[in-house]
Amino acid sequence: MSSRNNSRGQFIVEALVASTVLLVGFGGMFALLRRSLNLNQTVAQNYIATYLAAEGIEIAKNLADHNLLEIVSGNPSVTSWDQGFSPGDYEADYLSTSLRPNNNDLLLLDEATGLYSYSGSVPTNFRRLIRISRDSDMIVGEMRVNSVVEVVDPITLVAKSSVNLEDHFYNWHP
């Protein structure tokens, strides 16, 4: 009868050990899955931020090209290819006709078009800054444009990550 009680006790110990191993295994698997989903979201946000930063450079380039077209067409109100590009921090979206001072505004998403702007309807966690600078070591007629897009925490508005793209514009028109 005592060997029968020992085997029952042994069975309970084996069952506890097996349950513990299964719980640790499933717990690790779920932790890995959760981490994978978080990283997937981070990569997707950085992917969008990269394209928004590239769009910031293109917006600045389009504004400079517009100045050149106005000069060529004889518009007397535009006197330089870099008019409106004083050194400083600015905001702009694809609807902008000029750079506006930076207010640290978040970009908004227009769900109907899928475009990001400051006049959309859905708040996002992206903030774009366009920085214009001219250093003393730059050549005459050169301008540096940085487009920085931050992915911010929606509650604290503190940047979690950022993308910084840089381009140099030159006065190529005689």
C-alpha atoms as a PDB file:
ATOM      1  CA  MET A   1       0.000   0.000   0.000  1.00  0.00           C
ATOM      2  CA  SER A   2       2.888   2.379   0.625  1.00  0.00           C
ATOM      3  CA  SER A   3       4.241   1.928  -2.917  1.00  0.00           C
ATOM      4  CA  ARG A   4       0.810   2.864  -4.211  1.00  0.00           C
ATOM      5  CA  ASN A   5       0.858   6.165  -2.198  1.00  0.00           C
ATOM      6  CA  ASN A   6       4.396   6.891  -3.410  1.00  0.00           C
ATOM      7  CA  SER A   7       3.325   6.559  -7.035  1.00  0.00           C
ATOM      8  CA  ARG A   8       0.406   8.954  -6.434  1.00  0.00           C
ATOM      9  CA  GLY A   9       2.778  11.513  -4.939  1.00  0.00           C
ATOM     10  CA  GLN A  10       5.198  10.993  -7.783  1.00  0.00           C
ATOM     11  CA  PHE A  11       2.367  11.535 -10.300  1.00  0.00           C
ATOM     12  CA  ILE A  12       1.401  14.852  -8.639  1.00  0.00           C
ATOM     13  CA  VAL A  13       5.020  16.068  -8.707  1.00  0.00           C
ATOM     14  CA  GLU A  14       5.388  15.071 -12.367  1.00  0.00           C
ATOM     15  CA  ALA A  15       2.102  16.831 -13.221  1.00  0.00           C
ATOM     16  CA  LEU A  16       3.259  20.030 -11.459  1.00  0.00           C
ATOM     17  CA  VAL A  17       6.610  19.967 -13.262  1.00  0.00           C
ATOM     18  CA  ALA A  18       4.931  19.375 -16.632  1.00  0.00           C
ATOM     19  CA  SER A  19       2.417  22.201 -15.985  1.00  0.00           C
ATOM     20  CA  THR A  20       5.224  24.580 -15.029  1.00  0.00           C
ATOM     21  CA  VAL A  21       7.194  23.738 -18.173  1.00  0.00           C
ATOM     22  CA  LEU A  22       4.085  24.298 -20.326  1.00  0.00           C
ATOM     23  CA  LEU A  23       3.269  27.636 -18.645  1.00  0.00           C
ATOM     24  CA  VAL A  24       6.824  28.916 -19.028  1.00  0.00           C
ATOM     25  CA  GLY A  25       6.863  27.810 -22.676  1.00  0.00           C
ATOM     26  CA  PHE A  26       3.529  29.451 -23.501  1.00  0.00           C
ATOM     27  CA  GLY A  27       4.450  32.569 -21.527  1.00  0.00           C
ATOM     28  CA  GLY A  28       7.679  32.946 -23.500  1.00  0.00           C
ATOM     29  CA  MET A  29       5.852  32.359 -26.744  1.00  0.00           C
ATOM     30  CA  PHE A  30       3.253  35.035 -25.953  1.00  0.00           C
ATOM     31  CA  ALA A  31       5.954  37.507 -24.852  1.00  0.00           C
ATOM     32  CA  LEU A  32       7.779  36.916 -28.143  1.00  0.00           C
ATOM     33  CA  LEU A  33       4.573  37.391 -30.107  1.00  0.00           C
ATOM     34  CA  ARG A  34       3.762  40.646 -28.264  1.00  0.00           C
ATOM     35  CA  ARG A  35       7.281  41.974 -28.862  1.00  0.00           C
ATOM     36  CA  SER A  36       7.063  41.046 -32.537  1.00  0.00           C
ATOM     37  CA  LEU A  37       3.785  42.944 -32.946  1.00  0.00           C
ATOM     38  CA  ASN A  38       5.246  46.027 -31.205  1.00  0.00           C
ATOM     39  CA  LEU A  39       8.311  45.967 -33.467  1.00  0.00           C
ATOM     40  CA  ASN A  40       6.080  45.607 -36.505  1.00  0.00           C
ATOM     41  CA  GLN A  41       4.186  48.748 -35.473  1.00  0.00           C
ATOM     42  CA  THR A  42       7.460  50.636 -34.891  1.00  0.00           C
ATOM     43  CA  VAL A  43       8.798  49.663 -38.320  1.00  0.00           C
ATOM     44  CA  ALA A  44       5.538  50.731 -39.983  1.00  0.00           C
ATOM     45  CA  GLN A  45       5.652  54.117 -38.219  1.00  0.00           C
ATOM     46  CA  ASN A  46       9.295  54.691 -39.212  1.00  0.00           C
ATOM     47  CA  TYR A  47       8.439  53.732 -42.791  1.00  0.00           C
ATOM     48  CA  ILE A  48       5.698  56.389 -42.900  1.00  0.00           C
ATOM     49  CA  ALA A  49       7.993  58.924 -41.180  1.00  0.00           C
ATOM     50  CA  THR A  50      10.655  58.393 -43.863  1.00  0.00           C
ATOM     51  CA  TYR A  51       8.193  59.157 -46.642  1.00  0.00           C
ATOM     52  CA  LEU A  52       6.827  62.185 -44.777  1.00  0.00           C
ATOM     53  CA  ALA A  53      10.394  63.498 -44.372  1.00  0.00           C
ATOM     54  CA  ALA A  54      11.041  63.001 -48.111  1.00  0.00           C
ATOM     55  CA  GLU A  55       7.795  64.847 -48.815  1.00  0.00           C
ATOM     56  CA  GLY A  56       9.063  67.771 -46.692  1.00  0.00           C
ATOM     57  CA  ILE A  57      12.166  68.058 -48.902  1.00  0.00           C
ATOM     58  CA  GLU A  58       9.998  67.902 -52.034  1.00  0.00           C
ATOM     59  CA  ILE A  59       7.676  70.617 -50.703  1.00  0.00           C
ATOM     60  CA  ALA A  60      10.634  72.952 -50.127  1.00  0.00           C
ATOM     61  CA  LYS A  61      12.034  72.126 -53.582  1.00  0.00           C
ATOM     62  CA  ASN A  62       8.656  72.833 -55.208  1.00  0.00           C
ATOM     63  CA  LEU A  63       8.454  76.213 -53.447  1.00  0.00           C
ATOM     64  CA  ALA A  64      11.956  77.157 -54.672  1.00  0.00           C
ATOM     65  CA  ASP A  65      11.083  76.001 -58.214  1.00  0.00           C
ATOM     66  CA  HIS A  66       7.889  78.061 -58.050  1.00  0.00           C
ATOM     67  CA  ASN A  67       9.984  81.132 -57.196  1.00  0.00           C
ATOM     68  CA  LEU A  68      12.141  80.500 -60.281  1.00  0.00           C
ATOM     69  CA  LEU A  69       9.071  80.151 -62.488  1.00  0.00           C
ATOM     70  CA  GLU A  70       7.716  83.437 -61.154  1.00  0.00           C
ATOM     71  CA  ILE A  71      11.045  85.172 -61.906  1.00  0.00           C
ATOM     72  CA  VAL A  72      11.153  83.743 -65.437  1.00  0.00           C
ATOM     73  CA  SER A  73       7.536  84.753 -66.067  1.00  0.00           C
ATOM     74  CA  GLY A  74       8.373  88.328 -64.985  1.00  0.00           C
ATOM     75  CA  ASN A  75       6.478  88.538 -61.692  1.00  0.00           C
ATOM     76  CA  PRO A  76       7.978  91.618 -59.986  1.00  0.00           C
ATOM     77  CA  SER A  77       6.944  90.469 -56.483  1.00  0.00           C
ATOM     78  CA  VAL A  78       9.401  87.539 -56.613  1.00  0.00           C
ATOM     79  CA  THR A  79      13.015  88.698 -56.762  1.00  0.00           C
ATOM     80  CA  SER A  80      15.020  85.623 -55.751  1.00  0.00           C
ATOM     81  CA  TRP A  81      14.851  81.840 -56.110  1.00  0.00           C
ATOM     82  CA  ASP A  82      15.152  81.525 -52.314  1.00  0.00           C
ATOM     83  CA  GLN A  83      12.586  84.161 -51.380  1.00  0.00           C
ATOM     84  CA  GLY A  84      10.719  82.983 -48.269  1.00  0.00           C
ATOM     85  CA  PHE A  85      13.563  80.675 -47.208  1.00  0.00           C
ATOM     86  CA  SER A  86      15.119  82.562 -44.306  1.00  0.00           C
ATOM     87  CA  PRO A  87      17.142  80.407 -41.921  1.00  0.00           C
ATOM     88  CA  GLY A  88      14.861  78.881 -39.278  1.00  0.00           C
ATOM     89  CA  ASP A  89      12.349  76.150 -38.507  1.00  0.00           C
ATOM     90  CA  TYR A  90       9.167  75.823 -40.525  1.00  0.00           C
ATOM     91  CA  GLU A  91       6.128  73.647 -41.199  1.00  0.00           C
ATOM     92  CA  ALA A  92       4.544  72.852 -44.553  1.00  0.00           C
ATOM     93  CA  ASP A  93       2.327  70.256 -46.144  1.00  0.00           C
ATOM     94  CA  TYR A  94       1.506  69.356 -49.722  1.00  0.00           C
ATOM     95  CA  LEU A  95      -1.146  72.122 -49.815  1.00  0.00           C
ATOM     96  CA  SER A  96       1.306  74.849 -48.709  1.00  0.00           C
ATOM     97  CA  THR A  97       2.161  77.777 -50.951  1.00  0.00           C
ATOM     98  CA  SER A  98       4.807  79.022 -48.509  1.00  0.00           C
ATOM     99  CA  LEU A  99       6.671  77.903 -45.418  1.00  0.00           C
ATOM    100  CA  ARG A 100       5.021  78.830 -42.133  1.00  0.00           C
ATOM    101  CA  PRO A 101       6.753  79.170 -38.751  1.00  0.00           C
ATOM    102  CA  ASN A 102       7.063  75.924 -36.805  1.00  0.00           C
ATOM    103  CA  ASN A 103       4.365  75.439 -34.157  1.00  0.00           C
ATOM    104  CA  ASN A 104       5.163  71.782 -33.395  1.00  0.00           C
ATOM    105  CA  ASP A 105       1.776  70.815 -34.831  1.00  0.00           C
ATOM    106  CA  LEU A 106       1.016  67.152 -35.438  1.00  0.00           C
ATOM    107  CA  LEU A 107       0.144  66.106 -38.967  1.00  0.00           C
ATOM    108  CA  LEU A 108      -3.451  65.037 -39.520  1.00  0.00           C
ATOM    109  CA  LEU A 109      -4.661  62.271 -41.815  1.00  0.00           C
ATOM    110  CA  ASP A 110      -7.458  62.785 -44.313  1.00  0.00           C
ATOM    111  CA  GLU A 111      -9.114  59.359 -44.386  1.00  0.00           C
ATOM    112  CA  ALA A 112     -10.864  60.069 -47.689  1.00  0.00           C
ATOM    113  CA  THR A 113      -7.607  60.718 -49.579  1.00  0.00           C
ATOM    114  CA  GLY A 114      -5.039  59.016 -47.330  1.00  0.00           C
ATOM    115  CA  LEU A 115      -2.928  62.193 -47.337  1.00  0.00           C
ATOM    116  CA  TYR A 116      -1.208  63.820 -44.361  1.00  0.00           C
ATOM    117  CA  SER A 117      -1.624  67.572 -43.871  1.00  0.00           C
ATOM    118  CA  TYR A 118      -2.445  70.149 -41.216  1.00  0.00           C
ATOM    119  CA  SER A 119      -6.082  70.232 -42.313  1.00  0.00           C
ATOM    120  CA  GLY A 120      -6.972  66.531 -42.093  1.00  0.00           C
ATOM    121  CA  SER A 121      -9.493  65.029 -39.722  1.00  0.00           C
ATOM    122  CA  VAL A 122      -7.696  62.177 -37.938  1.00  0.00           C
ATOM    123  CA  PRO A 123      -4.888  62.999 -35.474  1.00  0.00           C
ATOM    124  CA  THR A 124      -1.617  61.139 -36.025  1.00  0.00           C
ATOM    125  CA  ASN A 125       1.582  60.826 -34.024  1.00  0.00           C
ATOM    126  CA  PHE A 126       3.816  62.441 -36.679  1.00  0.00           C
ATOM    127  CA  ARG A 127       5.350  65.900 -36.408  1.00  0.00           C
ATOM    128  CA  ARG A 128       7.316  67.434 -39.316  1.00  0.00           C
ATOM    129  CA  LEU A 129       9.882  70.229 -39.110  1.00  0.00           C
ATOM    130  CA  ILE A 130      11.582  71.799 -42.124  1.00  0.00           C
ATOM    131  CA  ARG A 131      14.839  73.504 -41.125  1.00  0.00           C
ATOM    132  CA  ILE A 132      16.483  75.997 -43.475  1.00  0.00           C
ATOM    133  CA  SER A 133      20.119  76.886 -42.825  1.00  0.00           C
ATOM    134  CA  ARG A 134      23.026  78.633 -44.485  1.00  0.00           C
ATOM    135  CA  ASP A 135      26.450  78.122 -42.979  1.00  0.00           C
ATOM    136  CA  SER A 136      29.491  80.271 -43.502  1.00  0.00           C
ATOM    137  CA  ASP A 137      31.325  77.363 -45.134  1.00  0.00           C
ATOM    138  CA  MET A 138      28.614  76.990 -47.799  1.00  0.00           C
ATOM    139  CA  ILE A 139      29.046  78.429 -51.261  1.00  0.00           C
ATOM    140  CA  VAL A 140      27.101  81.499 -52.367  1.00  0.00           C
ATOM    141  CA  GLY A 141      23.645  80.521 -53.552  1.00  0.00           C
ATOM    142  CA  GLU A 142      23.555  77.308 -51.492  1.00  0.00           C
ATOM    143  CA  MET A 143      20.881  76.456 -48.957  1.00  0.00           C
ATOM    144  CA  ARG A 144      20.620  73.392 -46.697  1.00  0.00           C
ATOM    145  CA  VAL A 145      17.157  71.939 -46.087  1.00  0.00           C
ATOM    146  CA  ASN A 146      16.551  69.354 -43.374  1.00  0.00           C
ATOM    147  CA  SER A 147      13.197  67.636 -43.101  1.00  0.00           C
ATOM    148  CA  VAL A 148      12.773  66.030 -39.675  1.00  0.00           C
ATOM    149  CA  VAL A 149       9.760  63.863 -38.886  1.00  0.00           C
ATOM    150  CA  GLU A 150       9.298  62.734 -35.306  1.00  0.00           C
ATOM    151  CA  VAL A 151       7.142  59.823 -34.216  1.00  0.00           C
ATOM    152  CA  VAL A 152       5.721  61.059 -30.922  1.00  0.00           C
ATOM    153  CA  ASP A 153       4.016  59.350 -28.023  1.00  0.00           C
ATOM    154  CA  PRO A 154       0.333  60.315 -28.410  1.00  0.00           C
ATOM    155  CA  ILE A 155      -0.124  61.027 -24.701  1.00  0.00           C
ATOM    156  CA  THR A 156       3.078  62.820 -23.687  1.00  0.00           C
ATOM    157  CA  LEU A 157       3.933  64.202 -27.177  1.00  0.00           C
ATOM    158  CA  VAL A 158       7.571  63.249 -26.561  1.00  0.00           C
ATOM    159  CA  ALA A 159       9.465  61.956 -29.600  1.00  0.00           C
ATOM    160  CA  LYS A 160      10.003  58.180 -29.599  1.00  0.00           C
ATOM    161  CA  SER A 161      12.011  58.204 -32.829  1.00  0.00           C
ATOM    162  CA  SER A 162      12.797  60.550 -35.691  1.00  0.00           C
ATOM    163  CA  VAL A 163      13.909  60.589 -39.314  1.00  0.00           C
ATOM    164  CA  ASN A 164      16.152  63.421 -40.559  1.00  0.00           C
ATOM    165  CA  LEU A 165      16.685  63.865 -44.319  1.00  0.00           C
ATOM    166  CA  GLU A 166      18.943  66.569 -45.723  1.00  0.00           C
ATOM    167  CA  ASP A 167      19.296  68.122 -49.140  1.00  0.00           C
ATOM    168  CA  HIS A 168      21.201  71.112 -50.529  1.00  0.00           C
ATOM    169  CA  PHE A 169      19.574  73.523 -52.955  1.00  0.00           C
ATOM    170  CA  TYR A 170      21.563  75.746 -55.293  1.00  0.00           C
ATOM    171  CA  ASN A 171      20.782  78.804 -57.397  1.00  0.00           C
ATOM    172  CA  TRP A 172      21.206  77.106 -60.750  1.00  0.00           C
ATOM    173  CA  HIS A 173      19.293  79.734 -62.740  1.00  0.00           C
ATOM    174  CA  PRO A 174      21.405  82.558 -64.182  1.00  0.00           C
END
